[in-house]
Amino acid sequence: MNRPGDFSEIFDKNNRFEYCGHIGKGTYGSVCLAFDRFKKNYIAIKRVNFYNSHVLAKRILREIRILKHLRNIQNVKYIEKDLLIFIQKRDQIYINETRYILFQILQGLAFIHKAGIIHRDLKPNNIFLDCNLNVKIGDFGMARSNFYSDRRDIKSTYVTARWYRAPELLFKYPHYSYKIDMWSVGCILGEILFQKPIFASNTYYDQLKIIFEWNGTPSNDYIRNYASTSMKNLIYRVPLYSKIPFEAKFATIPSQLADLLEKFLEYDPETRIDTADALKHDFITECFLSPEININLYCPVPDHDKTFNEFRDNFRDEASELLCEELIEKSLPLNPEE
C-alpha cells in the first residue's frame, strides 16, 4: 500500500509495523493506522516535528508523559469512529443510548481527574465509539496536570474548542481547575440530545450571547471574580437574560436528564458537578451502579519546575533533548509479551 512521505522513514526502518492507511493530518502533524506484527493489533502512529517550536515540544513532552501515566487505564485506545460521526448519522438518539455513552465518558473522566490531569479538549471529535457504543476518551494533546488549583497556577485559557469552552476560560480566568472538563461534558451531552452543537458561534460575542440565553446572565459577583478587565467590556455589551430552569426550558427530555445537564452547565466551577457526583446522579443510577474509582495516581507532570521564559530560553538544549530522551528511553519494546 502506498504511504505518505511523512511515514516512509518510520516503515522503512522498522518492520514491526505495517502501514494500513492515512487517518488524518492536523496543524502539528499526521496520523496513520498501522498493524503491530508482534502484538497483533492495530495502532495509531502520530508523526510530529517539534524541533521548530518550543511550545509544541513542551506540549508533546507533556502528552507523552501523561499517556504513559494513564497507560493502564482502559480509556486510552485507538477506535476508528468518533461521537461526532455517531451524532450526525443518527436520525434519532435514544435516552438509554445517551445514558450509556455519558456513563462511560464520566467513568473515563473520573480516572483522568483522579490521576491529577485536566483533559482540556473534550469534544465529540475526541470521544471515540465502537459499533457496540463502547467509549474511549482520546487526544491528550492539550491535557496537563492539575498540580495546583489555586492562584499559584497560571494556565493558558486558550484551550478547548470554543464551543465547548467553560465560562471561566471564555472570561480569561487563568486559575481554572478540572471543572472546565465538566462544562465540556455538558456541551457534549447537549449535542447528543439536540443533535447539534448547543453553543455554536462565530465570534466571542456570539459565544457569550448564546450561553447567556441558555443560562441567564451571570451575576455581577461572578463576572467580577472570574472575568478579566478586557472581557468585562465585552460581557457588559451582551443583553441581559433571565434564568429559566432547564426542567421547564426543555420539557421534552426527562426531568432527571435536564437536571443533570443543568448541573454540568453551572457557571460557578465551585458548585459545578464533578464526576463523582455525576456518576451518583439519579439519571445515571437508574440503570448503572455508581462505580468506586479506587486509584491513587500521582501525576508526574508538574508544570512548575520552570517558568515559561526559562523553558523557552533553554528550548534547544533542554526541551528537545528531554523529548528525545523520553522517546528513546520509552520506545516500544520489541518483545510482544512486554
C-alpha atoms as a PDB file:
ATOM      1  CA  MET A   1       0.000   0.000   0.000  1.00  0.00           C
ATOM      2  CA  ASN A   2       1.323   3.443  -0.887  1.00  0.00           C
ATOM      3  CA  ARG A   3       2.116   5.534   2.129  1.00  0.00           C
ATOM      4  CA  PRO A   4       2.559   9.298   2.589  1.00  0.00           C
ATOM      5  CA  GLY A   5       6.080  10.672   2.697  1.00  0.00           C
ATOM      6  CA  ASP A   6       5.532  11.666   6.327  1.00  0.00           C
ATOM      7  CA  PHE A   7       5.696   7.994   7.327  1.00  0.00           C
ATOM      8  CA  SER A   8       8.128   6.497   4.808  1.00  0.00           C
ATOM      9  CA  GLU A   9      11.085   6.704   7.173  1.00  0.00           C
ATOM     10  CA  ILE A  10       9.190   5.008  10.009  1.00  0.00           C
ATOM     11  CA  PHE A  11       8.118   1.993   7.970  1.00  0.00           C
ATOM     12  CA  ASP A  12      11.366   1.724   6.018  1.00  0.00           C
ATOM     13  CA  LYS A  13      13.420   1.453   9.217  1.00  0.00           C
ATOM     14  CA  ASN A  14      11.082  -0.676  11.324  1.00  0.00           C
ATOM     15  CA  ASN A  15       9.447  -3.832  10.018  1.00  0.00           C
ATOM     16  CA  ARG A  16       7.440  -4.261  13.190  1.00  0.00           C
ATOM     17  CA  PHE A  17       4.633  -2.058  11.868  1.00  0.00           C
ATOM     18  CA  GLU A  18       2.642  -2.422   8.675  1.00  0.00           C
ATOM     19  CA  TYR A  19       1.168   0.729   7.157  1.00  0.00           C
ATOM     20  CA  CYS A  20      -2.631   0.377   6.805  1.00  0.00           C
ATOM     21  CA  GLY A  21      -3.877   3.811   5.843  1.00  0.00           C
ATOM     22  CA  HIS A  22      -3.952   7.534   6.466  1.00  0.00           C
ATOM     23  CA  ILE A  23      -6.162   8.723   9.347  1.00  0.00           C
ATOM     24  CA  GLY A  24      -5.717  12.465   9.350  1.00  0.00           C
ATOM     25  CA  LYS A  25      -3.449  15.482   9.215  1.00  0.00           C
ATOM     26  CA  GLY A  26      -3.525  18.477  11.525  1.00  0.00           C
ATOM     27  CA  THR A  27      -1.584  21.642  12.177  1.00  0.00           C
ATOM     28  CA  TYR A  28       1.173  19.875  14.095  1.00  0.00           C
ATOM     29  CA  GLY A  29       1.485  16.508  12.392  1.00  0.00           C
ATOM     30  CA  SER A  30      -0.037  13.480  10.704  1.00  0.00           C
ATOM     31  CA  VAL A  31      -1.618  10.265  11.970  1.00  0.00           C
ATOM     32  CA  CYS A  32      -1.758   6.910  10.234  1.00  0.00           C
ATOM     33  CA  LEU A  33      -3.188   3.486  11.022  1.00  0.00           C
ATOM     34  CA  ALA A  34      -0.679   0.652  11.383  1.00  0.00           C
ATOM     35  CA  PHE A  35      -0.708  -3.020  12.297  1.00  0.00           C
ATOM     36  CA  ASP A  36       1.672  -4.186  15.028  1.00  0.00           C
ATOM     37  CA  ARG A  37       3.015  -7.522  13.769  1.00  0.00           C
ATOM     38  CA  PHE A  38       4.290  -8.537  17.207  1.00  0.00           C
ATOM     39  CA  LYS A  39       1.265  -7.672  19.322  1.00  0.00           C
ATOM     40  CA  LYS A  40      -1.203  -8.465  16.529  1.00  0.00           C
ATOM     41  CA  ASN A  41      -3.296  -5.346  16.968  1.00  0.00           C
ATOM     42  CA  TYR A  42      -3.982  -2.074  15.194  1.00  0.00           C
ATOM     43  CA  ILE A  43      -2.445   1.135  16.465  1.00  0.00           C
ATOM     44  CA  ALA A  44      -2.341   4.794  15.520  1.00  0.00           C
ATOM     45  CA  ILE A  45       1.050   6.381  14.850  1.00  0.00           C
ATOM     46  CA  LYS A  46       1.430  10.138  15.108  1.00  0.00           C
ATOM     47  CA  ARG A  47       4.359  11.905  13.476  1.00  0.00           C
ATOM     48  CA  VAL A  48       5.181  15.441  14.555  1.00  0.00           C
ATOM     49  CA  ASN A  49       8.046  17.871  14.028  1.00  0.00           C
ATOM     50  CA  PHE A  50       8.757  19.531  17.353  1.00  0.00           C
ATOM     51  CA  TYR A  51      12.201  20.999  16.672  1.00  0.00           C
ATOM     52  CA  ASN A  52      10.941  24.284  15.268  1.00  0.00           C
ATOM     53  CA  SER A  53       8.594  25.171  18.127  1.00  0.00           C
ATOM     54  CA  HIS A  54       9.422  25.282  21.825  1.00  0.00           C
ATOM     55  CA  VAL A  55       5.706  25.446  22.663  1.00  0.00           C
ATOM     56  CA  LEU A  56       4.981  22.341  20.602  1.00  0.00           C
ATOM     57  CA  ALA A  57       7.956  20.483  22.087  1.00  0.00           C
ATOM     58  CA  LYS A  58       6.706  21.181  25.594  1.00  0.00           C
ATOM     59  CA  ARG A  59       3.179  20.114  24.639  1.00  0.00           C
ATOM     60  CA  ILE A  60       4.356  16.855  23.053  1.00  0.00           C
ATOM     61  CA  LEU A  61       6.576  16.005  26.005  1.00  0.00           C
ATOM     62  CA  ARG A  62       3.646  16.636  28.335  1.00  0.00           C
ATOM     63  CA  GLU A  63       1.330  14.477  26.203  1.00  0.00           C
ATOM     64  CA  ILE A  64       3.798  11.572  26.133  1.00  0.00           C
ATOM     65  CA  ARG A  65       4.239  11.672  29.889  1.00  0.00           C
ATOM     66  CA  ILE A  66       0.504  11.881  30.504  1.00  0.00           C
ATOM     67  CA  LEU A  67      -0.215   8.947  28.179  1.00  0.00           C
ATOM     68  CA  LYS A  68       2.485   6.909  29.922  1.00  0.00           C
ATOM     69  CA  HIS A  69       0.905   7.856  33.221  1.00  0.00           C
ATOM     70  CA  LEU A  70      -2.506   6.660  32.014  1.00  0.00           C
ATOM     71  CA  ARG A  71      -1.350   3.648  30.016  1.00  0.00           C
ATOM     72  CA  ASN A  72      -3.033   1.115  32.338  1.00  0.00           C
ATOM     73  CA  ILE A  73      -6.364   2.918  32.135  1.00  0.00           C
ATOM     74  CA  GLN A  74      -8.544   1.273  29.531  1.00  0.00           C
ATOM     75  CA  ASN A  75      -9.977   4.512  28.170  1.00  0.00           C
ATOM     76  CA  VAL A  76      -6.818   5.282  26.183  1.00  0.00           C
ATOM     77  CA  LYS A  77      -7.104   3.320  22.945  1.00  0.00           C
ATOM     78  CA  TYR A  78      -7.457   3.799  19.208  1.00  0.00           C
ATOM     79  CA  ILE A  79     -11.000   3.437  17.798  1.00  0.00           C
ATOM     80  CA  GLU A  80     -11.890   4.354  14.237  1.00  0.00           C
ATOM     81  CA  LYS A  81     -15.146   6.315  14.788  1.00  0.00           C
ATOM     82  CA  ASP A  82     -15.939   9.296  16.973  1.00  0.00           C
ATOM     83  CA  LEU A  83     -19.021  10.624  18.717  1.00  0.00           C
ATOM     84  CA  LEU A  84     -19.486  13.417  16.179  1.00  0.00           C
ATOM     85  CA  ILE A  85     -19.964  10.875  13.385  1.00  0.00           C
ATOM     86  CA  PHE A  86     -22.382   8.932  15.595  1.00  0.00           C
ATOM     87  CA  ILE A  87     -24.473  12.051  16.273  1.00  0.00           C
ATOM     88  CA  GLN A  88     -24.515  13.145  12.638  1.00  0.00           C
ATOM     89  CA  LYS A  89     -25.520   9.747  11.260  1.00  0.00           C
ATOM     90  CA  ARG A  90     -28.378   9.003  13.642  1.00  0.00           C
ATOM     91  CA  ASP A  91     -31.923  10.109  12.828  1.00  0.00           C
ATOM     92  CA  GLN A  92     -32.815   9.693  16.489  1.00  0.00           C
ATOM     93  CA  ILE A  93     -30.722   9.104  19.579  1.00  0.00           C
ATOM     94  CA  TYR A  94     -32.435   7.243  22.383  1.00  0.00           C
ATOM     95  CA  ILE A  95     -32.259   8.163  26.053  1.00  0.00           C
ATOM     96  CA  ASN A  96     -30.754   4.830  27.093  1.00  0.00           C
ATOM     97  CA  GLU A  97     -28.046   5.213  24.436  1.00  0.00           C
ATOM     98  CA  THR A  98     -27.356   8.688  25.786  1.00  0.00           C
ATOM     99  CA  ARG A  99     -27.183   7.353  29.338  1.00  0.00           C
ATOM    100  CA  TYR A 100     -24.765   4.572  28.380  1.00  0.00           C
ATOM    101  CA  ILE A 101     -22.454   6.899  26.459  1.00  0.00           C
ATOM    102  CA  LEU A 102     -22.498   9.531  29.213  1.00  0.00           C
ATOM    103  CA  PHE A 103     -21.861   6.914  31.906  1.00  0.00           C
ATOM    104  CA  GLN A 104     -18.708   5.755  30.134  1.00  0.00           C
ATOM    105  CA  ILE A 105     -17.465   9.290  29.488  1.00  0.00           C
ATOM    106  CA  LEU A 106     -17.860  10.040  33.192  1.00  0.00           C
ATOM    107  CA  GLN A 107     -16.069   6.837  34.176  1.00  0.00           C
ATOM    108  CA  GLY A 108     -13.124   7.642  31.937  1.00  0.00           C
ATOM    109  CA  LEU A 109     -13.009  11.259  33.047  1.00  0.00           C
ATOM    110  CA  ALA A 110     -13.169  10.195  36.697  1.00  0.00           C
ATOM    111  CA  PHE A 111      -9.972   8.182  36.193  1.00  0.00           C
ATOM    112  CA  ILE A 112      -8.315  11.077  34.391  1.00  0.00           C
ATOM    113  CA  HIS A 113      -9.226  13.585  37.100  1.00  0.00           C
ATOM    114  CA  LYS A 114      -8.265  11.165  39.884  1.00  0.00           C
ATOM    115  CA  ALA A 115      -4.886  10.894  38.205  1.00  0.00           C
ATOM    116  CA  GLY A 116      -4.464  14.656  38.606  1.00  0.00           C
ATOM    117  CA  ILE A 117      -4.978  15.516  34.939  1.00  0.00           C
ATOM    118  CA  ILE A 118      -7.223  18.034  33.167  1.00  0.00           C
ATOM    119  CA  HIS A 119      -8.074  16.915  29.632  1.00  0.00           C
ATOM    120  CA  ARG A 120      -8.785  20.469  28.336  1.00  0.00           C
ATOM    121  CA  ASP A 121     -10.034  19.397  24.901  1.00  0.00           C
ATOM    122  CA  LEU A 122     -13.193  17.356  25.363  1.00  0.00           C
ATOM    123  CA  LYS A 123     -15.483  17.489  22.337  1.00  0.00           C
ATOM    124  CA  PRO A 124     -17.356  14.911  20.236  1.00  0.00           C
ATOM    125  CA  ASN A 125     -14.366  14.507  17.869  1.00  0.00           C
ATOM    126  CA  ASN A 126     -12.249  13.321  20.819  1.00  0.00           C
ATOM    127  CA  ILE A 127     -14.765  10.810  22.181  1.00  0.00           C
ATOM    128  CA  PHE A 128     -14.452   7.533  20.288  1.00  0.00           C
ATOM    129  CA  LEU A 129     -17.070   4.791  19.948  1.00  0.00           C
ATOM    130  CA  ASP A 130     -17.075   1.307  18.508  1.00  0.00           C
ATOM    131  CA  CYS A 131     -20.081  -0.466  16.995  1.00  0.00           C
ATOM    132  CA  ASN A 132     -21.237  -1.557  20.476  1.00  0.00           C
ATOM    133  CA  LEU A 133     -21.157   2.027  21.797  1.00  0.00           C
ATOM    134  CA  ASN A 134     -18.098   1.332  23.924  1.00  0.00           C
ATOM    135  CA  VAL A 135     -16.499   4.695  24.640  1.00  0.00           C
ATOM    136  CA  LYS A 136     -12.862   5.738  24.771  1.00  0.00           C
ATOM    137  CA  ILE A 137     -11.528   9.217  25.502  1.00  0.00           C
ATOM    138  CA  GLY A 138      -8.737  10.357  23.205  1.00  0.00           C
ATOM    139  CA  ASP A 139      -6.438  13.198  22.162  1.00  0.00           C
ATOM    140  CA  PHE A 140      -4.430  14.283  25.181  1.00  0.00           C
ATOM    141  CA  GLY A 141      -2.511  16.888  23.210  1.00  0.00           C
ATOM    142  CA  MET A 142      -3.931  19.728  25.319  1.00  0.00           C
ATOM    143  CA  ALA A 143      -4.012  17.826  28.626  1.00  0.00           C
ATOM    144  CA  ARG A 144      -1.940  18.920  31.597  1.00  0.00           C
ATOM    145  CA  SER A 145      -1.533  18.189  35.261  1.00  0.00           C
ATOM    146  CA  ASN A 146      -3.741  19.880  37.804  1.00  0.00           C
ATOM    147  CA  PHE A 147      -0.700  20.252  40.048  1.00  0.00           C
ATOM    148  CA  TYR A 148      -2.100  23.302  41.777  1.00  0.00           C
ATOM    149  CA  SER A 149      -5.685  24.513  41.539  1.00  0.00           C
ATOM    150  CA  ASP A 150      -5.221  27.895  43.185  1.00  0.00           C
ATOM    151  CA  ARG A 151      -3.641  31.235  42.290  1.00  0.00           C
ATOM    152  CA  ARG A 152      -0.139  29.775  42.207  1.00  0.00           C
ATOM    153  CA  ASP A 153      -1.118  28.079  38.966  1.00  0.00           C
ATOM    154  CA  ILE A 154      -1.493  30.342  35.933  1.00  0.00           C
ATOM    155  CA  LYS A 155      -2.685  28.280  32.983  1.00  0.00           C
ATOM    156  CA  SER A 156      -3.381  29.181  29.382  1.00  0.00           C
ATOM    157  CA  THR A 157      -7.048  29.967  28.766  1.00  0.00           C
ATOM    158  CA  TYR A 158      -6.699  29.319  25.045  1.00  0.00           C
ATOM    159  CA  VAL A 159      -7.626  25.651  25.404  1.00  0.00           C
ATOM    160  CA  THR A 160     -10.658  23.579  24.435  1.00  0.00           C
ATOM    161  CA  ALA A 161     -12.527  24.269  21.201  1.00  0.00           C
ATOM    162  CA  ARG A 162     -14.523  27.464  21.786  1.00  0.00           C
ATOM    163  CA  TRP A 163     -17.970  25.850  21.512  1.00  0.00           C
ATOM    164  CA  TYR A 164     -17.045  23.550  24.428  1.00  0.00           C
ATOM    165  CA  ARG A 165     -15.124  26.115  26.479  1.00  0.00           C
ATOM    166  CA  ALA A 166     -16.207  26.793  30.062  1.00  0.00           C
ATOM    167  CA  PRO A 167     -17.191  30.365  31.024  1.00  0.00           C
ATOM    168  CA  GLU A 168     -14.105  30.828  33.189  1.00  0.00           C
ATOM    169  CA  LEU A 169     -11.977  30.125  30.101  1.00  0.00           C
ATOM    170  CA  LEU A 170     -14.030  32.488  27.955  1.00  0.00           C
ATOM    171  CA  PHE A 171     -13.655  35.095  30.701  1.00  0.00           C
ATOM    172  CA  LYS A 172      -9.824  34.620  30.602  1.00  0.00           C
ATOM    173  CA  TYR A 173      -9.585  33.307  34.163  1.00  0.00           C
ATOM    174  CA  PRO A 174      -6.169  31.574  34.385  1.00  0.00           C
ATOM    175  CA  HIS A 175      -6.635  29.703  37.693  1.00  0.00           C
ATOM    176  CA  TYR A 176      -9.183  27.164  36.465  1.00  0.00           C
ATOM    177  CA  SER A 177      -9.445  23.528  37.542  1.00  0.00           C
ATOM    178  CA  TYR A 178     -10.632  20.186  36.159  1.00  0.00           C
ATOM    179  CA  LYS A 179     -14.186  21.587  36.340  1.00  0.00           C
ATOM    180  CA  ILE A 180     -13.648  23.020  32.844  1.00  0.00           C
ATOM    181  CA  ASP A 181     -13.918  19.423  31.611  1.00  0.00           C
ATOM    182  CA  MET A 182     -17.314  19.070  33.290  1.00  0.00           C
ATOM    183  CA  TRP A 183     -18.676  22.041  31.336  1.00  0.00           C
ATOM    184  CA  SER A 184     -17.406  20.383  28.149  1.00  0.00           C
ATOM    185  CA  VAL A 185     -19.251  17.190  29.102  1.00  0.00           C
ATOM    186  CA  GLY A 186     -22.422  19.272  29.437  1.00  0.00           C
ATOM    187  CA  CYS A 187     -21.881  20.683  25.943  1.00  0.00           C
ATOM    188  CA  ILE A 188     -21.340  17.168  24.587  1.00  0.00           C
ATOM    189  CA  LEU A 189     -24.464  15.888  26.356  1.00  0.00           C
ATOM    190  CA  GLY A 190     -26.496  18.756  24.917  1.00  0.00           C
ATOM    191  CA  GLU A 191     -25.157  17.991  21.445  1.00  0.00           C
ATOM    192  CA  ILE A 192     -26.200  14.345  21.770  1.00  0.00           C
ATOM    193  CA  LEU A 193     -29.688  15.337  22.919  1.00  0.00           C
ATOM    194  CA  PHE A 194     -30.352  18.041  20.325  1.00  0.00           C
ATOM    195  CA  GLN A 195     -28.113  16.599  17.575  1.00  0.00           C
ATOM    196  CA  LYS A 196     -26.278  19.862  17.021  1.00  0.00           C
ATOM    197  CA  PRO A 197     -23.725  21.927  18.980  1.00  0.00           C
ATOM    198  CA  ILE A 198     -25.640  23.856  21.623  1.00  0.00           C
ATOM    199  CA  PHE A 199     -23.200  26.781  21.802  1.00  0.00           C
ATOM    200  CA  ALA A 200     -22.152  27.076  18.153  1.00  0.00           C
ATOM    201  CA  SER A 201     -20.933  30.576  17.309  1.00  0.00           C
ATOM    202  CA  ASN A 202     -18.593  32.516  15.051  1.00  0.00           C
ATOM    203  CA  THR A 203     -17.301  35.146  17.493  1.00  0.00           C
ATOM    204  CA  TYR A 204     -16.578  35.580  21.182  1.00  0.00           C
ATOM    205  CA  TYR A 205     -19.536  37.937  21.476  1.00  0.00           C
ATOM    206  CA  ASP A 206     -21.892  35.393  19.905  1.00  0.00           C
ATOM    207  CA  GLN A 207     -20.469  32.695  22.173  1.00  0.00           C
ATOM    208  CA  LEU A 208     -21.254  34.701  25.299  1.00  0.00           C
ATOM    209  CA  LYS A 209     -24.674  35.699  23.996  1.00  0.00           C
ATOM    210  CA  ILE A 210     -25.850  32.148  23.307  1.00  0.00           C
ATOM    211  CA  ILE A 211     -24.566  30.904  26.682  1.00  0.00           C
ATOM    212  CA  PHE A 212     -26.348  33.762  28.464  1.00  0.00           C
ATOM    213  CA  GLU A 213     -29.535  32.936  26.541  1.00  0.00           C
ATOM    214  CA  TRP A 214     -29.332  29.363  27.784  1.00  0.00           C
ATOM    215  CA  ASN A 215     -28.200  30.017  31.334  1.00  0.00           C
ATOM    216  CA  GLY A 216     -29.269  33.552  32.088  1.00  0.00           C
ATOM    217  CA  THR A 217     -26.791  36.386  32.534  1.00  0.00           C
ATOM    218  CA  PRO A 218     -24.205  35.569  35.231  1.00  0.00           C
ATOM    219  CA  SER A 219     -24.242  37.617  38.407  1.00  0.00           C
ATOM    220  CA  ASN A 220     -22.089  40.710  38.828  1.00  0.00           C
ATOM    221  CA  ASP A 221     -20.182  38.898  41.575  1.00  0.00           C
ATOM    222  CA  TYR A 222     -19.349  36.068  39.201  1.00  0.00           C
ATOM    223  CA  ILE A 223     -18.211  38.476  36.490  1.00  0.00           C
ATOM    224  CA  ARG A 224     -16.119  40.429  38.989  1.00  0.00           C
ATOM    225  CA  ASN A 225     -14.435  37.244  40.304  1.00  0.00           C
ATOM    226  CA  TYR A 226     -13.763  35.484  37.018  1.00  0.00           C
ATOM    227  CA  ALA A 227     -13.643  37.959  34.135  1.00  0.00           C
ATOM    228  CA  SER A 228     -10.524  39.774  33.018  1.00  0.00           C
ATOM    229  CA  THR A 229     -10.743  43.531  32.511  1.00  0.00           C
ATOM    230  CA  SER A 230     -10.783  43.200  28.731  1.00  0.00           C
ATOM    231  CA  MET A 231     -13.540  40.566  28.846  1.00  0.00           C
ATOM    232  CA  LYS A 232     -15.716  42.633  31.197  1.00  0.00           C
ATOM    233  CA  ASN A 233     -16.065  45.261  28.493  1.00  0.00           C
ATOM    234  CA  LEU A 234     -17.379  42.619  26.090  1.00  0.00           C
ATOM    235  CA  ILE A 235     -19.580  40.869  28.666  1.00  0.00           C
ATOM    236  CA  TYR A 236     -21.424  44.066  29.577  1.00  0.00           C
ATOM    237  CA  ARG A 237     -22.313  44.606  25.918  1.00  0.00           C
ATOM    238  CA  VAL A 238     -24.330  41.364  25.844  1.00  0.00           C
ATOM    239  CA  PRO A 239     -28.083  41.818  26.509  1.00  0.00           C
ATOM    240  CA  LEU A 240     -29.434  40.689  29.875  1.00  0.00           C
ATOM    241  CA  TYR A 241     -31.223  37.333  30.009  1.00  0.00           C
ATOM    242  CA  SER A 242     -33.275  35.770  32.790  1.00  0.00           C
ATOM    243  CA  LYS A 243     -32.515  32.286  34.050  1.00  0.00           C
ATOM    244  CA  ILE A 244     -35.083  29.617  33.133  1.00  0.00           C
ATOM    245  CA  PRO A 245     -34.704  26.235  34.904  1.00  0.00           C
ATOM    246  CA  PHE A 246     -33.738  23.552  32.407  1.00  0.00           C
ATOM    247  CA  GLU A 247     -36.582  21.295  33.522  1.00  0.00           C
ATOM    248  CA  ALA A 248     -39.037  23.945  32.307  1.00  0.00           C
ATOM    249  CA  LYS A 249     -36.894  25.033  29.359  1.00  0.00           C
ATOM    250  CA  PHE A 250     -36.526  21.508  27.963  1.00  0.00           C
ATOM    251  CA  ALA A 251     -39.816  19.806  28.737  1.00  0.00           C
ATOM    252  CA  THR A 252     -39.309  17.190  26.008  1.00  0.00           C
ATOM    253  CA  ILE A 253     -36.449  15.427  27.813  1.00  0.00           C
ATOM    254  CA  PRO A 254     -36.703  13.532  31.135  1.00  0.00           C
ATOM    255  CA  SER A 255     -36.573  15.826  34.154  1.00  0.00           C
ATOM    256  CA  GLN A 256     -33.628  13.929  35.668  1.00  0.00           C
ATOM    257  CA  LEU A 257     -31.651  14.401  32.475  1.00  0.00           C
ATOM    258  CA  ALA A 258     -32.499  18.102  32.324  1.00  0.00           C
ATOM    259  CA  ASP A 259     -31.336  18.452  35.932  1.00  0.00           C
ATOM    260  CA  LEU A 260     -28.009  16.752  35.223  1.00  0.00           C
ATOM    261  CA  LEU A 261     -27.449  18.872  32.111  1.00  0.00           C
ATOM    262  CA  GLU A 262     -28.056  21.992  34.188  1.00  0.00           C
ATOM    263  CA  LYS A 263     -25.529  20.838  36.796  1.00  0.00           C
ATOM    264  CA  PHE A 264     -22.875  20.363  34.100  1.00  0.00           C
ATOM    265  CA  LEU A 265     -23.569  23.836  32.710  1.00  0.00           C
ATOM    266  CA  GLU A 266     -23.357  25.627  36.054  1.00  0.00           C
ATOM    267  CA  TYR A 267     -21.467  28.921  35.761  1.00  0.00           C
ATOM    268  CA  ASP A 268     -19.587  28.687  39.040  1.00  0.00           C
ATOM    269  CA  PRO A 269     -16.875  25.992  38.878  1.00  0.00           C
ATOM    270  CA  GLU A 270     -17.006  25.698  42.664  1.00  0.00           C
ATOM    271  CA  THR A 271     -20.580  24.394  42.511  1.00  0.00           C
ATOM    272  CA  ARG A 272     -20.451  22.744  39.072  1.00  0.00           C
ATOM    273  CA  ILE A 273     -20.936  18.995  39.392  1.00  0.00           C
ATOM    274  CA  ASP A 274     -17.864  16.734  39.391  1.00  0.00           C
ATOM    275  CA  THR A 275     -17.506  13.198  38.048  1.00  0.00           C
ATOM    276  CA  ALA A 276     -18.159  11.509  41.396  1.00  0.00           C
ATOM    277  CA  ASP A 277     -21.472  13.279  41.940  1.00  0.00           C
ATOM    278  CA  ALA A 278     -22.459  12.949  38.280  1.00  0.00           C
ATOM    279  CA  LEU A 279     -21.980   9.179  38.489  1.00  0.00           C
ATOM    280  CA  LYS A 280     -24.279   9.173  41.533  1.00  0.00           C
ATOM    281  CA  HIS A 281     -26.948  11.277  39.844  1.00  0.00           C
ATOM    282  CA  ASP A 282     -30.401   9.719  39.536  1.00  0.00           C
ATOM    283  CA  PHE A 283     -30.253   9.786  35.745  1.00  0.00           C
ATOM    284  CA  ILE A 284     -27.163   7.545  35.804  1.00  0.00           C
ATOM    285  CA  THR A 285     -28.030   5.296  38.751  1.00  0.00           C
ATOM    286  CA  GLU A 286     -31.422   4.485  37.276  1.00  0.00           C
ATOM    287  CA  CYS A 287     -29.554   1.949  35.106  1.00  0.00           C
ATOM    288  CA  PHE A 288     -25.959   1.822  36.360  1.00  0.00           C
ATOM    289  CA  LEU A 289     -24.339   1.410  39.737  1.00  0.00           C
ATOM    290  CA  SER A 290     -22.038   4.269  40.644  1.00  0.00           C
ATOM    291  CA  PRO A 291     -18.508   2.815  40.379  1.00  0.00           C
ATOM    292  CA  GLU A 292     -15.861   3.307  43.013  1.00  0.00           C
ATOM    293  CA  ILE A 293     -12.875   4.946  41.354  1.00  0.00           C
ATOM    294  CA  ASN A 294     -10.218   3.462  43.609  1.00  0.00           C
ATOM    295  CA  ILE A 295      -6.986   4.735  42.167  1.00  0.00           C
ATOM    296  CA  ASN A 296      -4.332   6.868  43.756  1.00  0.00           C
ATOM    297  CA  LEU A 297      -2.154   8.029  40.883  1.00  0.00           C
ATOM    298  CA  TYR A 298       0.213  10.897  41.431  1.00  0.00           C
ATOM    299  CA  CYS A 299       0.571  12.852  38.230  1.00  0.00           C
ATOM    300  CA  PRO A 300       4.291  13.178  37.440  1.00  0.00           C
ATOM    301  CA  VAL A 301       3.830  16.108  35.075  1.00  0.00           C
ATOM    302  CA  PRO A 302       4.083  19.271  37.180  1.00  0.00           C
ATOM    303  CA  ASP A 303       4.403  22.373  35.037  1.00  0.00           C
ATOM    304  CA  HIS A 304       6.033  24.485  37.722  1.00  0.00           C
ATOM    305  CA  ASP A 305       9.632  23.302  37.721  1.00  0.00           C
ATOM    306  CA  LYS A 306      10.433  26.029  35.184  1.00  0.00           C
ATOM    307  CA  THR A 307       8.785  29.260  34.139  1.00  0.00           C
ATOM    308  CA  PHE A 308       7.708  29.581  30.523  1.00  0.00           C
ATOM    309  CA  ASN A 309      10.529  32.030  29.809  1.00  0.00           C
ATOM    310  CA  GLU A 310      13.113  29.679  31.293  1.00  0.00           C
ATOM    311  CA  PHE A 311      11.713  26.829  29.253  1.00  0.00           C
ATOM    312  CA  ARG A 312      11.762  28.971  26.110  1.00  0.00           C
ATOM    313  CA  ASP A 313      15.319  30.179  26.648  1.00  0.00           C
ATOM    314  CA  ASN A 314      16.610  26.641  27.123  1.00  0.00           C
ATOM    315  CA  PHE A 315      14.445  25.072  24.433  1.00  0.00           C
ATOM    316  CA  ARG A 316      17.004  23.636  22.022  1.00  0.00           C
ATOM    317  CA  ASP A 317      19.380  22.465  24.732  1.00  0.00           C
ATOM    318  CA  GLU A 318      16.734  21.063  27.043  1.00  0.00           C
ATOM    319  CA  ALA A 319      13.196  20.639  25.691  1.00  0.00           C
ATOM    320  CA  SER A 320      14.155  18.769  22.542  1.00  0.00           C
ATOM    321  CA  GLU A 321      16.767  16.807  24.461  1.00  0.00           C
ATOM    322  CA  LEU A 322      14.231  15.810  27.106  1.00  0.00           C
ATOM    323  CA  LEU A 323      11.756  14.751  24.464  1.00  0.00           C
ATOM    324  CA  CYS A 324      14.333  12.702  22.579  1.00  0.00           C
ATOM    325  CA  GLU A 325      15.440  11.013  25.809  1.00  0.00           C
ATOM    326  CA  GLU A 326      11.813  10.276  26.607  1.00  0.00           C
ATOM    327  CA  LEU A 327      11.233   8.703  23.197  1.00  0.00           C
ATOM    328  CA  ILE A 328      14.440   6.661  23.306  1.00  0.00           C
ATOM    329  CA  GLU A 329      14.020   5.511  26.897  1.00  0.00           C
ATOM    330  CA  LYS A 330      10.380   4.543  26.467  1.00  0.00           C
ATOM    331  CA  SER A 331      10.392   3.325  22.884  1.00  0.00           C
ATOM    332  CA  LEU A 332       8.044   0.438  22.168  1.00  0.00           C
ATOM    333  CA  PRO A 333       9.525  -2.888  23.342  1.00  0.00           C
ATOM    334  CA  LEU A 334      10.182  -5.484  20.667  1.00  0.00           C
ATOM    335  CA  ASN A 335       9.146  -8.319  22.971  1.00  0.00           C
ATOM    336  CA  PRO A 336       5.434  -8.883  22.279  1.00  0.00           C
ATOM    337  CA  GLU A 337       4.933 -10.199  25.813  1.00  0.00           C
ATOM    338  CA  GLU A 338       6.027  -6.954  27.425  1.00  0.00           C
END
